[in-house]
Amino acid sequence: VYRVLDQFDEAKILIRHNFEGNKSVFELAPTEHHDHIICVDCGKVFEFNDDIIEKRQREITKQHGIELATHSLYLYGKCSN
């Protein structure tokens, strides 16, 4: 199973996320970019997209002479559950 997951990751069919606790979590390759919020208590993962954050990341990389190719943003906190 793990070999197949690795192959799907390499083929960009799945995306591997390495969240806190050294766990690999896989999701189908998204058609649109999104970021993640992870609850440190229960492990629930929330997906979100924020145009202001995306714009600011491009501005910051441009200030440093870098053209942003891709990125991953993981925010950790505690949910209300």
N, C-alpha and C. Protein backbone atom coordinates (compact mmCIF):
# COMPACT_ATOMS: atom_id res chain seq x y z
N VAL A 1 0.83 -1.20 0.00
CA VAL A 1 0.00 0.00 0.00
C VAL A 1 0.87 1.25 0.00
N TYR A 2 1.89 1.28 0.85
CA TYR A 2 2.73 2.48 0.95
C TYR A 2 3.49 2.75 -0.35
N ARG A 3 3.91 1.70 -1.02
CA ARG A 3 4.62 1.87 -2.29
C ARG A 3 3.69 2.51 -3.33
N VAL A 4 2.43 2.08 -3.35
CA VAL A 4 1.45 2.65 -4.28
C VAL A 4 1.20 4.12 -3.94
N LEU A 5 1.08 4.43 -2.66
CA LEU A 5 0.89 5.83 -2.25
C LEU A 5 2.08 6.68 -2.68
N ASP A 6 3.28 6.15 -2.51
CA ASP A 6 4.48 6.88 -2.96
C ASP A 6 4.45 7.11 -4.46
N GLN A 7 4.03 6.10 -5.22
CA GLN A 7 3.95 6.25 -6.67
C GLN A 7 2.90 7.28 -7.07
N PHE A 8 1.75 7.27 -6.39
CA PHE A 8 0.71 8.27 -6.67
C PHE A 8 1.20 9.67 -6.32
N ASP A 9 1.97 9.78 -5.25
CA ASP A 9 2.55 11.07 -4.87
C ASP A 9 3.51 11.56 -5.95
N GLU A 10 4.38 10.68 -6.41
CA GLU A 10 5.34 11.04 -7.46
C GLU A 10 4.64 11.41 -8.76
N ALA A 11 3.50 10.78 -9.04
CA ALA A 11 2.75 11.05 -10.27
C ALA A 11 1.82 12.26 -10.12
N LYS A 12 1.83 12.88 -8.94
CA LYS A 12 1.00 14.06 -8.66
C LYS A 12 -0.50 13.74 -8.68
N ILE A 13 -0.85 12.48 -8.42
CA ILE A 13 -2.25 12.09 -8.28
C ILE A 13 -2.70 12.39 -6.86
N LEU A 14 -1.80 12.15 -5.92
CA LEU A 14 -2.03 12.45 -4.51
C LEU A 14 -0.99 13.47 -4.06
N ILE A 15 -1.32 14.18 -2.99
CA ILE A 15 -0.39 15.09 -2.34
C ILE A 15 -0.15 14.55 -0.93
N ARG A 16 1.11 14.44 -0.55
CA ARG A 16 1.46 13.99 0.80
C ARG A 16 1.68 15.22 1.68
N HIS A 17 1.03 15.21 2.84
CA HIS A 17 1.25 16.25 3.84
C HIS A 17 1.86 15.58 5.06
N ASN A 18 2.88 16.19 5.62
CA ASN A 18 3.50 15.69 6.83
C ASN A 18 3.15 16.63 7.97
N PHE A 19 2.03 16.33 8.62
CA PHE A 19 1.57 17.15 9.72
C PHE A 19 2.32 16.79 10.99
N GLU A 20 2.04 17.53 12.04
CA GLU A 20 2.70 17.32 13.33
C GLU A 20 2.55 15.87 13.78
N GLY A 21 3.55 15.36 14.45
CA GLY A 21 3.53 13.99 14.93
C GLY A 21 4.10 13.01 13.92
N ASN A 22 4.74 13.55 12.88
CA ASN A 22 5.39 12.73 11.86
C ASN A 22 4.44 11.81 11.12
N LYS A 23 3.16 12.21 11.01
CA LYS A 23 2.18 11.41 10.29
C LYS A 23 2.08 11.92 8.86
N SER A 24 2.05 11.02 7.91
CA SER A 24 1.79 11.41 6.53
C SER A 24 0.29 11.29 6.28
N VAL A 25 -0.27 12.34 5.71
CA VAL A 25 -1.68 12.36 5.34
C VAL A 25 -1.73 12.62 3.84
N PHE A 26 -2.53 11.85 3.13
CA PHE A 26 -2.63 12.00 1.69
C PHE A 26 -3.99 12.58 1.33
N GLU A 27 -4.01 13.41 0.28
CA GLU A 27 -5.27 13.87 -0.28
C GLU A 27 -5.13 13.87 -1.79
N LEU A 28 -6.27 13.76 -2.47
CA LEU A 28 -6.23 13.84 -3.92
C LEU A 28 -5.65 15.18 -4.32
N ALA A 29 -4.87 15.18 -5.37
CA ALA A 29 -4.25 16.43 -5.84
C ALA A 29 -5.36 17.44 -6.12
N PRO A 30 -5.33 18.57 -5.43
CA PRO A 30 -6.40 19.56 -5.60
C PRO A 30 -6.30 20.25 -6.95
N THR A 31 -7.45 20.67 -7.46
CA THR A 31 -7.46 21.44 -8.70
C THR A 31 -7.16 22.91 -8.42
N GLU A 32 -7.45 23.35 -7.20
CA GLU A 32 -7.14 24.72 -6.78
C GLU A 32 -6.32 24.67 -5.50
N HIS A 33 -5.42 25.64 -5.36
CA HIS A 33 -4.57 25.71 -4.17
C HIS A 33 -5.40 25.98 -2.92
N HIS A 34 -5.01 25.36 -1.82
CA HIS A 34 -5.59 25.67 -0.52
C HIS A 34 -4.54 25.40 0.56
N ASP A 35 -4.77 25.97 1.72
CA ASP A 35 -3.88 25.80 2.86
C ASP A 35 -4.62 25.03 3.94
N HIS A 36 -3.93 24.75 5.05
CA HIS A 36 -4.50 23.89 6.09
C HIS A 36 -4.35 24.49 7.48
N ILE A 37 -5.37 24.23 8.30
CA ILE A 37 -5.32 24.49 9.74
C ILE A 37 -5.49 23.13 10.40
N ILE A 38 -4.60 22.79 11.32
CA ILE A 38 -4.62 21.48 11.95
C ILE A 38 -4.82 21.65 13.45
N CYS A 39 -5.81 20.94 14.00
CA CYS A 39 -6.03 20.97 15.45
C CYS A 39 -4.99 20.07 16.11
N VAL A 40 -4.26 20.63 17.07
CA VAL A 40 -3.20 19.86 17.74
C VAL A 40 -3.77 18.88 18.76
N ASP A 41 -5.05 19.04 19.13
CA ASP A 41 -5.67 18.12 20.09
C ASP A 41 -6.29 16.91 19.40
N CYS A 42 -7.18 17.15 18.44
CA CYS A 42 -7.91 16.04 17.83
C CYS A 42 -7.39 15.64 16.46
N GLY A 43 -6.52 16.46 15.85
CA GLY A 43 -5.95 16.13 14.55
C GLY A 43 -6.82 16.50 13.36
N LYS A 44 -7.98 17.10 13.61
CA LYS A 44 -8.86 17.50 12.50
C LYS A 44 -8.14 18.52 11.62
N VAL A 45 -8.35 18.39 10.31
CA VAL A 45 -7.71 19.27 9.33
C VAL A 45 -8.79 20.09 8.64
N PHE A 46 -8.61 21.41 8.64
CA PHE A 46 -9.51 22.33 7.97
C PHE A 46 -8.78 22.90 6.76
N GLU A 47 -9.44 22.92 5.62
CA GLU A 47 -8.86 23.51 4.42
C GLU A 47 -9.41 24.92 4.25
N PHE A 48 -8.54 25.84 3.78
CA PHE A 48 -9.01 27.20 3.54
C PHE A 48 -8.17 27.84 2.44
N ASN A 49 -8.71 28.90 1.87
CA ASN A 49 -7.99 29.72 0.91
C ASN A 49 -8.28 31.16 1.25
N ASP A 50 -7.26 31.98 1.28
CA ASP A 50 -7.41 33.40 1.60
C ASP A 50 -6.62 34.22 0.59
N ASP A 51 -7.32 35.01 -0.22
CA ASP A 51 -6.67 35.79 -1.26
C ASP A 51 -5.67 36.80 -0.70
N ILE A 52 -5.93 37.34 0.48
CA ILE A 52 -5.02 38.32 1.09
C ILE A 52 -3.70 37.64 1.46
N ILE A 53 -3.77 36.45 2.05
CA ILE A 53 -2.55 35.71 2.40
C ILE A 53 -1.78 35.35 1.14
N GLU A 54 -2.47 34.89 0.11
CA GLU A 54 -1.81 34.52 -1.14
C GLU A 54 -1.10 35.73 -1.75
N LYS A 55 -1.78 36.87 -1.77
CA LYS A 55 -1.18 38.10 -2.33
C LYS A 55 0.05 38.51 -1.53
N ARG A 56 -0.05 38.46 -0.22
CA ARG A 56 1.06 38.88 0.64
C ARG A 56 2.28 37.98 0.46
N GLN A 57 2.06 36.69 0.29
CA GLN A 57 3.18 35.77 0.07
C GLN A 57 3.91 36.10 -1.23
N ARG A 58 3.14 36.43 -2.28
CA ARG A 58 3.77 36.82 -3.55
C ARG A 58 4.55 38.12 -3.39
N GLU A 59 4.00 39.07 -2.63
CA GLU A 59 4.70 40.35 -2.40
C GLU A 59 6.01 40.13 -1.65
N ILE A 60 5.97 39.31 -0.62
CA ILE A 60 7.17 39.05 0.20
C ILE A 60 8.26 38.38 -0.63
N THR A 61 7.89 37.36 -1.40
CA THR A 61 8.91 36.69 -2.21
C THR A 61 9.46 37.62 -3.28
N LYS A 62 8.61 38.46 -3.85
CA LYS A 62 9.07 39.42 -4.86
C LYS A 62 10.07 40.40 -4.26
N GLN A 63 9.81 40.85 -3.02
CA GLN A 63 10.73 41.77 -2.33
C GLN A 63 12.11 41.15 -2.16
N HIS A 64 12.17 39.84 -2.10
CA HIS A 64 13.43 39.13 -1.93
C HIS A 64 14.00 38.63 -3.26
N GLY A 65 13.39 39.07 -4.35
CA GLY A 65 13.88 38.69 -5.67
C GLY A 65 13.57 37.25 -6.06
N ILE A 66 12.54 36.70 -5.46
CA ILE A 66 12.15 35.31 -5.71
C ILE A 66 10.79 35.29 -6.40
N GLU A 67 10.68 34.48 -7.45
CA GLU A 67 9.38 34.26 -8.07
C GLU A 67 8.77 33.02 -7.42
N LEU A 68 7.66 33.19 -6.73
CA LEU A 68 7.03 32.10 -6.00
C LEU A 68 6.51 31.04 -6.97
N ALA A 69 6.99 29.82 -6.81
CA ALA A 69 6.56 28.71 -7.66
C ALA A 69 5.40 27.96 -7.01
N THR A 70 5.56 27.66 -5.74
CA THR A 70 4.52 26.95 -4.99
C THR A 70 4.80 27.14 -3.51
N HIS A 71 3.85 26.77 -2.68
CA HIS A 71 4.07 26.85 -1.24
C HIS A 71 3.06 25.97 -0.52
N SER A 72 3.35 25.71 0.75
CA SER A 72 2.43 25.01 1.64
C SER A 72 2.36 25.81 2.92
N LEU A 73 1.15 26.03 3.40
CA LEU A 73 0.97 26.76 4.65
C LEU A 73 0.16 25.89 5.60
N TYR A 74 0.74 25.58 6.75
CA TYR A 74 0.07 24.81 7.78
C TYR A 74 0.00 25.67 9.03
N LEU A 75 -1.21 25.89 9.53
CA LEU A 75 -1.42 26.62 10.77
C LEU A 75 -1.89 25.61 11.82
N TYR A 76 -1.32 25.68 13.02
CA TYR A 76 -1.66 24.74 14.08
C TYR A 76 -2.36 25.49 15.21
N GLY A 77 -3.42 24.90 15.74
CA GLY A 77 -4.17 25.50 16.83
C GLY A 77 -5.06 24.46 17.47
N LYS A 78 -6.01 24.94 18.26
CA LYS A 78 -6.95 24.05 18.95
C LYS A 78 -8.36 24.42 18.54
N CYS A 79 -9.10 23.42 18.02
CA CYS A 79 -10.48 23.68 17.60
C CYS A 79 -11.41 23.63 18.81
N SER A 80 -12.65 24.00 18.58
CA SER A 80 -13.62 24.08 19.67
C SER A 80 -14.24 22.74 20.04
N ASN A 81 -13.90 21.67 19.32
CA ASN A 81 -14.49 20.34 19.61
C ASN A 81 -13.88 19.72 20.83
